PDB file of N, CA and C in Angstrom:
ATOM      1  N   MET A   1     -10.066 -15.804  -8.061  1.00  0.00           N
ATOM      2  CA  MET A   1      -9.277 -14.910  -7.232  1.00  0.00           C
ATOM      3  C   MET A   1      -8.148 -14.326  -8.083  1.00  0.00           C
ATOM      4  N   ARG A   2      -7.986 -13.027  -8.014  1.00  0.00           N
ATOM      5  CA  ARG A   2      -6.929 -12.365  -8.771  1.00  0.00           C
ATOM      6  C   ARG A   2      -5.640 -12.301  -7.968  1.00  0.00           C
ATOM      7  N   GLU A   3      -4.569 -11.971  -8.665  1.00  0.00           N
ATOM      8  CA  GLU A   3      -3.260 -11.823  -8.019  1.00  0.00           C
ATOM      9  C   GLU A   3      -3.281 -10.636  -7.047  1.00  0.00           C
ATOM     10  N   ALA A   4      -2.482 -10.725  -6.008  1.00  0.00           N
ATOM     11  CA  ALA A   4      -2.341  -9.620  -5.058  1.00  0.00           C
ATOM     12  C   ALA A   4      -1.515  -8.506  -5.702  1.00  0.00           C
ATOM     13  N   TYR A   5      -1.829  -7.268  -5.373  1.00  0.00           N
ATOM     14  CA  TYR A   5      -1.060  -6.128  -5.885  1.00  0.00           C
ATOM     15  C   TYR A   5       0.306  -6.010  -5.223  1.00  0.00           C
ATOM     16  N   PHE A   6       0.418  -6.492  -3.981  1.00  0.00           N
ATOM     17  CA  PHE A   6       1.638  -6.317  -3.200  1.00  0.00           C
ATOM     18  C   PHE A   6       2.208  -7.665  -2.780  1.00  0.00           C
ATOM     19  N   SER A   7       3.511  -7.703  -2.537  1.00  0.00           N
ATOM     20  CA  SER A   7       4.209  -8.929  -2.137  1.00  0.00           C
ATOM     21  C   SER A   7       4.764  -8.783  -0.723  1.00  0.00           C
ATOM     22  N   VAL A   8       4.973  -9.909  -0.066  1.00  0.00           N
ATOM     23  CA  VAL A   8       5.604  -9.896   1.254  1.00  0.00           C
ATOM     24  C   VAL A   8       7.010  -9.336   1.103  1.00  0.00           C
ATOM     25  N   GLY A   9       7.390  -8.422   1.985  1.00  0.00           N
ATOM     26  CA  GLY A   9       8.698  -7.774   1.935  1.00  0.00           C
ATOM     27  C   GLY A   9       8.704  -6.468   1.156  1.00  0.00           C
ATOM     28  N   GLU A  10       7.637  -6.176   0.444  1.00  0.00           N
ATOM     29  CA  GLU A  10       7.563  -4.950  -0.358  1.00  0.00           C
ATOM     30  C   GLU A  10       7.272  -3.745   0.527  1.00  0.00           C
ATOM     31  N   GLU A  11       7.922  -2.621   0.219  1.00  0.00           N
ATOM     32  CA  GLU A  11       7.651  -1.377   0.934  1.00  0.00           C
ATOM     33  C   GLU A  11       6.441  -0.706   0.304  1.00  0.00           C
ATOM     34  N   VAL A  12       5.509  -0.270   1.157  1.00  0.00           N
ATOM     35  CA  VAL A  12       4.271   0.360   0.692  1.00  0.00           C
ATOM     36  C   VAL A  12       4.014   1.625   1.503  1.00  0.00           C
ATOM     37  N   ILE A  13       3.049   2.399   1.031  1.00  0.00           N
ATOM     38  CA  ILE A  13       2.614   3.595   1.743  1.00  0.00           C
ATOM     39  C   ILE A  13       1.187   3.354   2.214  1.00  0.00           C
ATOM     40  N   LEU A  14       0.954   3.504   3.516  1.00  0.00           N
ATOM     41  CA  LEU A  14      -0.380   3.361   4.077  1.00  0.00           C
ATOM     42  C   LEU A  14      -1.094   4.702   4.004  1.00  0.00           C
ATOM     43  N   VAL A  15      -2.283   4.702   3.394  1.00  0.00           N
ATOM     44  CA  VAL A  15      -3.128   5.891   3.295  1.00  0.00           C
ATOM     45  C   VAL A  15      -4.504   5.472   3.812  1.00  0.00           C
ATOM     46  N   SER A  16      -4.678   5.515   5.124  1.00  0.00           N
ATOM     47  CA  SER A  16      -5.888   5.008   5.758  1.00  0.00           C
ATOM     48  C   SER A  16      -6.814   6.138   6.178  1.00  0.00           C
ATOM     49  N   GLU A  17      -8.088   6.011   5.812  1.00  0.00           N
ATOM     50  CA  GLU A  17      -9.097   6.961   6.278  1.00  0.00           C
ATOM     51  C   GLU A  17      -9.519   6.608   7.701  1.00  0.00           C
ATOM     52  N   SER A  18      -9.470   5.333   8.036  1.00  0.00           N
ATOM     53  CA  SER A  18      -9.889   4.891   9.369  1.00  0.00           C
ATOM     54  C   SER A  18      -8.865   5.235  10.445  1.00  0.00           C
ATOM     55  N   TRP A  19      -7.584   5.130  10.118  1.00  0.00           N
ATOM     56  CA  TRP A  19      -6.505   5.399  11.067  1.00  0.00           C
ATOM     57  C   TRP A  19      -5.487   6.359  10.451  1.00  0.00           C
ATOM     58  N   PRO A  20      -5.854   7.628  10.234  1.00  0.00           N
ATOM     59  CA  PRO A  20      -4.918   8.564   9.575  1.00  0.00           C
ATOM     60  C   PRO A  20      -3.636   8.801  10.371  1.00  0.00           C
ATOM     61  N   ASN A  21      -3.676   8.594  11.681  1.00  0.00           N
ATOM     62  CA  ASN A  21      -2.471   8.780  12.494  1.00  0.00           C
ATOM     63  C   ASN A  21      -1.415   7.718  12.201  1.00  0.00           C
ATOM     64  N   LEU A  22      -1.793   6.627  11.533  1.00  0.00           N
ATOM     65  CA  LEU A  22      -0.841   5.560  11.193  1.00  0.00           C
ATOM     66  C   LEU A  22      -0.290   5.690   9.775  1.00  0.00           C
ATOM     67  N   ASN A  23      -0.762   6.662   9.000  1.00  0.00           N
ATOM     68  CA  ASN A  23      -0.312   6.805   7.619  1.00  0.00           C
ATOM     69  C   ASN A  23       1.200   6.975   7.556  1.00  0.00           C
ATOM     70  N   GLY A  24       1.806   6.307   6.587  1.00  0.00           N
ATOM     71  CA  GLY A  24       3.255   6.382   6.434  1.00  0.00           C
ATOM     72  C   GLY A  24       3.773   5.202   5.635  1.00  0.00           C
ATOM     73  N   GLU A  25       5.078   4.993   5.693  1.00  0.00           N
ATOM     74  CA  GLU A  25       5.729   3.923   4.938  1.00  0.00           C
ATOM     75  C   GLU A  25       5.932   2.696   5.826  1.00  0.00           C
ATOM     76  N   TYR A  26       5.602   1.521   5.270  1.00  0.00           N
ATOM     77  CA  TYR A  26       5.707   0.263   6.001  1.00  0.00           C
ATOM     78  C   TYR A  26       6.180  -0.836   5.059  1.00  0.00           C
ATOM     79  N   THR A  27       6.520  -1.987   5.643  1.00  0.00           N
ATOM     80  CA  THR A  27       6.889  -3.174   4.883  1.00  0.00           C
ATOM     81  C   THR A  27       5.850  -4.253   5.144  1.00  0.00           C
ATOM     82  N   ILE A  28       5.433  -4.938   4.088  1.00  0.00           N
ATOM     83  CA  ILE A  28       4.425  -5.985   4.219  1.00  0.00           C
ATOM     84  C   ILE A  28       5.052  -7.228   4.850  1.00  0.00           C
ATOM     85  N   GLU A  29       4.427  -7.704   5.933  1.00  0.00           N
ATOM     86  CA  GLU A  29       4.895  -8.908   6.619  1.00  0.00           C
ATOM     87  C   GLU A  29       4.132 -10.147   6.179  1.00  0.00           C
ATOM     88  N   CYS A  30       2.845  -9.992   5.891  1.00  0.00           N
ATOM     89  CA  CYS A  30       2.000 -11.135   5.594  1.00  0.00           C
ATOM     90  C   CYS A  30       0.839 -10.685   4.724  1.00  0.00           C
ATOM     91  N   LYS A  31       0.389 -11.573   3.836  1.00  0.00           N
ATOM     92  CA  LYS A  31      -0.806 -11.282   3.048  1.00  0.00           C
ATOM     93  C   LYS A  31      -1.717 -12.497   3.083  1.00  0.00           C
ATOM     94  N   GLU A  32      -3.016 -12.233   2.998  1.00  0.00           N
ATOM     95  CA  GLU A  32      -3.999 -13.305   3.098  1.00  0.00           C
ATOM     96  C   GLU A  32      -5.229 -12.942   2.275  1.00  0.00           C
ATOM     97  N   TYR A  33      -5.725 -13.909   1.514  1.00  0.00           N
ATOM     98  CA  TYR A  33      -6.963 -13.679   0.762  1.00  0.00           C
ATOM     99  C   TYR A  33      -8.135 -14.123   1.623  1.00  0.00           C
ATOM    100  N   ARG A  34      -9.089 -13.236   1.786  1.00  0.00           N
ATOM    101  CA  ARG A  34     -10.278 -13.568   2.571  1.00  0.00           C
ATOM    102  C   ARG A  34     -11.491 -13.528   1.657  1.00  0.00           C
ATOM    103  N   ASN A  35     -12.234 -14.581   1.703  1.00  0.00           N
ATOM    104  CA  ASN A  35     -13.379 -14.722   0.811  1.00  0.00           C
ATOM    105  C   ASN A  35     -14.672 -14.283   1.490  1.00  0.00           C
ATOM    106  N   GLY A  36     -14.615 -13.184   2.177  1.00  0.00           N
ATOM    107  CA  GLY A  36     -15.803 -12.638   2.815  1.00  0.00           C
ATOM    108  C   GLY A  36     -15.592 -12.454   4.289  1.00  0.00           C
ATOM    109  N   ARG A  37     -15.668 -11.222   4.720  1.00  0.00           N
ATOM    110  CA  ARG A  37     -15.513 -10.902   6.135  1.00  0.00           C
ATOM    111  C   ARG A  37     -16.571  -9.862   6.472  1.00  0.00           C
ATOM    112  N   LEU A  38     -17.363 -10.143   7.460  1.00  0.00           N
ATOM    113  CA  LEU A  38     -18.407  -9.228   7.883  1.00  0.00           C
ATOM    114  C   LEU A  38     -17.797  -8.167   8.791  1.00  0.00           C
ATOM    115  N   THR A  39     -18.007  -6.911   8.463  1.00  0.00           N
ATOM    116  CA  THR A  39     -17.456  -5.826   9.263  1.00  0.00           C
ATOM    117  C   THR A  39     -18.508  -5.321  10.248  1.00  0.00           C
ATOM    118  N   ILE A  40     -18.118  -4.390  11.074  1.00  0.00           N
ATOM    119  CA  ILE A  40     -19.039  -3.798  12.050  1.00  0.00           C
ATOM    120  C   ILE A  40     -20.222  -3.147  11.347  1.00  0.00           C
ATOM    121  N   SER A  41     -19.975  -2.562  10.176  1.00  0.00           N
ATOM    122  CA  SER A  41     -21.053  -1.897   9.435  1.00  0.00           C
ATOM    123  C   SER A  41     -21.825  -2.862   8.542  1.00  0.00           C
ATOM    124  N   SER A  42     -21.689  -4.152   8.780  1.00  0.00           N
ATOM    125  CA  SER A  42     -22.409  -5.210   8.053  1.00  0.00           C
ATOM    126  C   SER A  42     -22.032  -5.303   6.580  1.00  0.00           C
ATOM    127  N   GLU A  43     -20.841  -4.854   6.230  1.00  0.00           N
ATOM    128  CA  GLU A  43     -20.339  -5.024   4.870  1.00  0.00           C
ATOM    129  C   GLU A  43     -19.619  -6.364   4.781  1.00  0.00           C
ATOM    130  N   ILE A  44     -19.694  -6.972   3.624  1.00  0.00           N
ATOM    131  CA  ILE A  44     -18.913  -8.175   3.393  1.00  0.00           C
ATOM    132  C   ILE A  44     -17.751  -7.793   2.488  1.00  0.00           C
ATOM    133  N   LEU A  45     -16.544  -7.936   2.991  1.00  0.00           N
ATOM    134  CA  LEU A  45     -15.355  -7.559   2.236  1.00  0.00           C
ATOM    135  C   LEU A  45     -14.636  -8.805   1.757  1.00  0.00           C
ATOM    136  N   ARG A  46     -14.343  -8.828   0.486  1.00  0.00           N
ATOM    137  CA  ARG A  46     -13.566  -9.925  -0.089  1.00  0.00           C
ATOM    138  C   ARG A  46     -12.314  -9.340  -0.717  1.00  0.00           C
ATOM    139  N   GLY A  47     -11.220 -10.038  -0.592  1.00  0.00           N
ATOM    140  CA  GLY A  47      -9.996  -9.582  -1.232  1.00  0.00           C
ATOM    141  C   GLY A  47      -8.775  -9.804  -0.368  1.00  0.00           C
ATOM    142  N   TRP A  48      -7.717  -9.153  -0.756  1.00  0.00           N
ATOM    143  CA  TRP A  48      -6.430  -9.297  -0.081  1.00  0.00           C
ATOM    144  C   TRP A  48      -6.344  -8.385   1.130  1.00  0.00           C
ATOM    145  N   TRP A  49      -5.875  -8.956   2.222  1.00  0.00           N
ATOM    146  CA  TRP A  49      -5.631  -8.243   3.465  1.00  0.00           C
ATOM    147  C   TRP A  49      -4.148  -8.383   3.791  1.00  0.00           C
ATOM    148  N   TYR A  50      -3.582  -7.356   4.402  1.00  0.00           N
ATOM    149  CA  TYR A  50      -2.143  -7.338   4.653  1.00  0.00           C
ATOM    150  C   TYR A  50      -1.839  -6.979   6.096  1.00  0.00           C
ATOM    151  N   SER A  51      -0.765  -7.566   6.615  1.00  0.00           N
ATOM    152  CA  SER A  51      -0.199  -7.175   7.910  1.00  0.00           C
ATOM    153  C   SER A  51       1.087  -6.420   7.610  1.00  0.00           C
ATOM    154  N   LEU A  52       1.280  -5.303   8.302  1.00  0.00           N
ATOM    155  CA  LEU A  52       2.451  -4.464   8.066  1.00  0.00           C
ATOM    156  C   LEU A  52       3.374  -4.485   9.271  1.00  0.00           C
ATOM    157  N   ALA A  53       4.681  -4.444   9.006  1.00  0.00           N
ATOM    158  CA  ALA A  53       5.677  -4.405  10.077  1.00  0.00           C
ATOM    159  C   ALA A  53       5.448  -3.165  10.926  1.00  0.00           C
ATOM    160  N   GLY A  54       5.405  -3.352  12.236  1.00  0.00           N
ATOM    161  CA  GLY A  54       5.222  -2.224  13.147  1.00  0.00           C
ATOM    162  C   GLY A  54       3.781  -1.956  13.522  1.00  0.00           C
ATOM    163  N   LEU A  55       2.834  -2.610  12.869  1.00  0.00           N
ATOM    164  CA  LEU A  55       1.416  -2.442  13.199  1.00  0.00           C
ATOM    165  C   LEU A  55       0.865  -3.779  13.673  1.00  0.00           C
ATOM    166  N   ASP A  56       1.037  -4.061  14.935  1.00  0.00           N
ATOM    167  CA  ASP A  56       0.592  -5.342  15.496  1.00  0.00           C
ATOM    168  C   ASP A  56      -0.923  -5.440  15.499  1.00  0.00           C
ATOM    169  N   ASP A  57      -1.417  -6.617  15.177  1.00  0.00           N
ATOM    170  CA  ASP A  57      -2.841  -6.945  15.251  1.00  0.00           C
ATOM    171  C   ASP A  57      -3.745  -6.073  14.379  1.00  0.00           C
ATOM    172  N   ARG A  58      -3.211  -5.504  13.330  1.00  0.00           N
ATOM    173  CA  ARG A  58      -4.044  -4.752  12.387  1.00  0.00           C
ATOM    174  C   ARG A  58      -3.887  -5.373  11.012  1.00  0.00           C
ATOM    175  N   HIS A  59      -4.998  -5.712  10.414  1.00  0.00           N
ATOM    176  CA  HIS A  59      -5.002  -6.240   9.059  1.00  0.00           C
ATOM    177  C   HIS A  59      -5.668  -5.204   8.172  1.00  0.00           C
ATOM    178  N   LEU A  60      -4.993  -4.816   7.124  1.00  0.00           N
ATOM    179  CA  LEU A  60      -5.454  -3.719   6.281  1.00  0.00           C
ATOM    180  C   LEU A  60      -5.884  -4.217   4.921  1.00  0.00           C
ATOM    181  N   PHE A  61      -6.961  -3.651   4.430  1.00  0.00           N
ATOM    182  CA  PHE A  61      -7.458  -3.991   3.118  1.00  0.00           C
ATOM    183  C   PHE A  61      -6.562  -3.348   2.062  1.00  0.00           C
ATOM    184  N   GLU A  62      -6.485  -3.991   0.926  1.00  0.00           N
ATOM    185  CA  GLU A  62      -5.580  -3.563  -0.145  1.00  0.00           C
ATOM    186  C   GLU A  62      -5.787  -2.109  -0.580  1.00  0.00           C
ATOM    187  N   SER A  63      -7.017  -1.625  -0.525  1.00  0.00           N
ATOM    188  CA  SER A  63      -7.305  -0.266  -0.994  1.00  0.00           C
ATOM    189  C   SER A  63      -6.661   0.816  -0.127  1.00  0.00           C
ATOM    190  N   ALA A  64      -6.204   0.476   1.081  1.00  0.00           N
ATOM    191  CA  ALA A  64      -5.557   1.458   1.954  1.00  0.00           C
ATOM    192  C   ALA A  64      -4.064   1.576   1.681  1.00  0.00           C
ATOM    193  N   LEU A  65      -3.540   0.784   0.744  1.00  0.00           N
ATOM    194  CA  LEU A  65      -2.102   0.775   0.474  1.00  0.00           C
ATOM    195  C   LEU A  65      -1.798   1.335  -0.911  1.00  0.00           C
ATOM    196  N   ARG A  66      -0.631   1.935  -1.040  1.00  0.00           N
ATOM    197  CA  ARG A  66      -0.152   2.468  -2.323  1.00  0.00           C
ATOM    198  C   ARG A  66       1.255   1.940  -2.572  1.00  0.00           C
ATOM    199  N   LYS A  67       1.594   1.788  -3.842  1.00  0.00           N
ATOM    200  CA  LYS A  67       2.949   1.379  -4.215  1.00  0.00           C
ATOM    201  C   LYS A  67       3.932   2.478  -3.838  1.00  0.00           C
ATOM    202  N   LYS A  68       5.088   2.070  -3.352  1.00  0.00           N
ATOM    203  CA  LYS A  68       6.164   3.022  -3.092  1.00  0.00           C
ATOM    204  C   LYS A  68       7.134   2.899  -4.254  1.00  0.00           C
ATOM    205  N   HIS A  69       7.181   3.916  -5.073  1.00  0.00           N
ATOM    206  CA  HIS A  69       8.030   3.882  -6.258  1.00  0.00           C
ATOM    207  C   HIS A  69       9.464   4.248  -5.909  1.00  0.00           C
ATOM    208  N   GLN A  70      10.377   3.647  -6.620  1.00  0.00           N
ATOM    209  CA  GLN A  70      11.795   3.924  -6.428  1.00  0.00           C
ATOM    210  C   GLN A  70      12.121   5.306  -7.008  1.00  0.00           C
ATOM    211  N   PRO A  71      13.105   5.996  -6.447  1.00  0.00           N
ATOM    212  CA  PRO A  71      13.477   7.317  -6.962  1.00  0.00           C
ATOM    213  C   PRO A  71      13.943   7.224  -8.411  1.00  0.00           C
ATOM    214  N   GLY A  72      13.680   8.272  -9.159  1.00  0.00           N
ATOM    215  CA  GLY A  72      14.079   8.318 -10.560  1.00  0.00           C
ATOM    216  C   GLY A  72      15.574   8.502 -10.732  1.00  0.00           C
ATOM    217  N   GLU A  73      16.027   8.318 -11.958  1.00  0.00           N
ATOM    218  CA  GLU A  73      17.448   8.442 -12.268  1.00  0.00           C
ATOM    219  C   GLU A  73      17.891   9.906 -12.283  1.00  0.00           C
ATOM    220  N   PHE A  74      16.966  10.808 -12.674  1.00  0.00           N
ATOM    221  CA  PHE A  74      17.289  12.225 -12.808  1.00  0.00           C
ATOM    222  C   PHE A  74      16.466  13.057 -11.826  1.00  0.00           C
ATOM    223  N   THR A  75      17.016  14.196 -11.408  1.00  0.00           N
ATOM    224  CA  THR A  75      16.262  15.125 -10.575  1.00  0.00           C
ATOM    225  C   THR A  75      15.298  15.905 -11.468  1.00  0.00           C
ATOM    226  N   PHE A  76      14.365  16.594 -10.857  1.00  0.00           N
ATOM    227  CA  PHE A  76      13.411  17.408 -11.611  1.00  0.00           C
ATOM    228  C   PHE A  76      14.142  18.470 -12.438  1.00  0.00           C
ATOM    229  N   GLU A  77      15.139  19.108 -11.831  1.00  0.00           N
ATOM    230  CA  GLU A  77      15.895  20.150 -12.531  1.00  0.00           C
ATOM    231  C   GLU A  77      16.614  19.590 -13.763  1.00  0.00           C
ATOM    232  N   GLN A  78      17.176  18.383 -13.659  1.00  0.00           N
ATOM    233  CA  GLN A  78      17.848  17.757 -14.797  1.00  0.00           C
ATOM    234  C   GLN A  78      16.858  17.465 -15.919  1.00  0.00           C
ATOM    235  N   LEU A  79      15.689  16.989 -15.570  1.00  0.00           N
ATOM    236  CA  LEU A  79      14.671  16.705 -16.582  1.00  0.00           C
ATOM    237  C   LEU A  79      14.243  17.963 -17.312  1.00  0.00           C
ATOM    238  N   ILE A  80      14.048  19.052 -16.564  1.00  0.00           N
ATOM    239  CA  ILE A  80      13.632  20.330 -17.172  1.00  0.00           C
ATOM    240  C   ILE A  80      14.726  20.868 -18.083  1.00  0.00           C
ATOM    241  N   SER A  81      15.982  20.797 -17.635  1.00  0.00           N
ATOM    242  CA  SER A  81      17.075  21.308 -18.466  1.00  0.00           C
ATOM    243  C   SER A  81      17.228  20.494 -19.754  1.00  0.00           C
ATOM    244  N   GLN A  82      16.990  19.178 -19.681  1.00  0.00           N
ATOM    245  CA  GLN A  82      17.040  18.344 -20.877  1.00  0.00           C
ATOM    246  C   GLN A  82      15.910  18.715 -21.836  1.00  0.00           C
ATOM    247  N   LYS A  83      14.753  19.016 -21.290  1.00  0.00           N
ATOM    248  CA  LYS A  83      13.601  19.370 -22.104  1.00  0.00           C
ATOM    249  C   LYS A  83      13.834  20.725 -22.793  1.00  0.00           C
ATOM    250  N   VAL A  84      14.424  21.678 -22.082  1.00  0.00           N
ATOM    251  CA  VAL A  84      14.696  22.999 -22.644  1.00  0.00           C
ATOM    252  C   VAL A  84      15.736  22.907 -23.743  1.00  0.00           C
ATOM    253  N   GLU A  85      16.751  22.064 -23.566  1.00  0.00           N
ATOM    254  CA  GLU A  85      17.801  21.916 -24.569  1.00  0.00           C
ATOM    255  C   GLU A  85      17.304  21.236 -25.836  1.00  0.00           C
ATOM    256  N   ALA A  86      16.290  20.419 -25.737  1.00  0.00           N
ATOM    257  CA  ALA A  86      15.800  19.655 -26.889  1.00  0.00           C
ATOM    258  C   ALA A  86      15.028  20.480 -27.875  1.00  0.00           C
TER     259      ALA A  86
END
């Protein structure tokens, strides 16, 4: 079993094809490794599943989540002006 990509308490971005109306920013409440889960379409899914704050009774597979990166130190305009000056 590999390490989980996300930690409890980490802010993530949900990008779900199954529930696009829920896409947005959330905080991870719980994570669990499942060694095989049969889905409605008869797929067996193994890996990390996550519960997100504000989404009761929904467990999401790791592939539906993205890292939320912290804002950079400089604005885009500052970066461009530094590049032009160099």
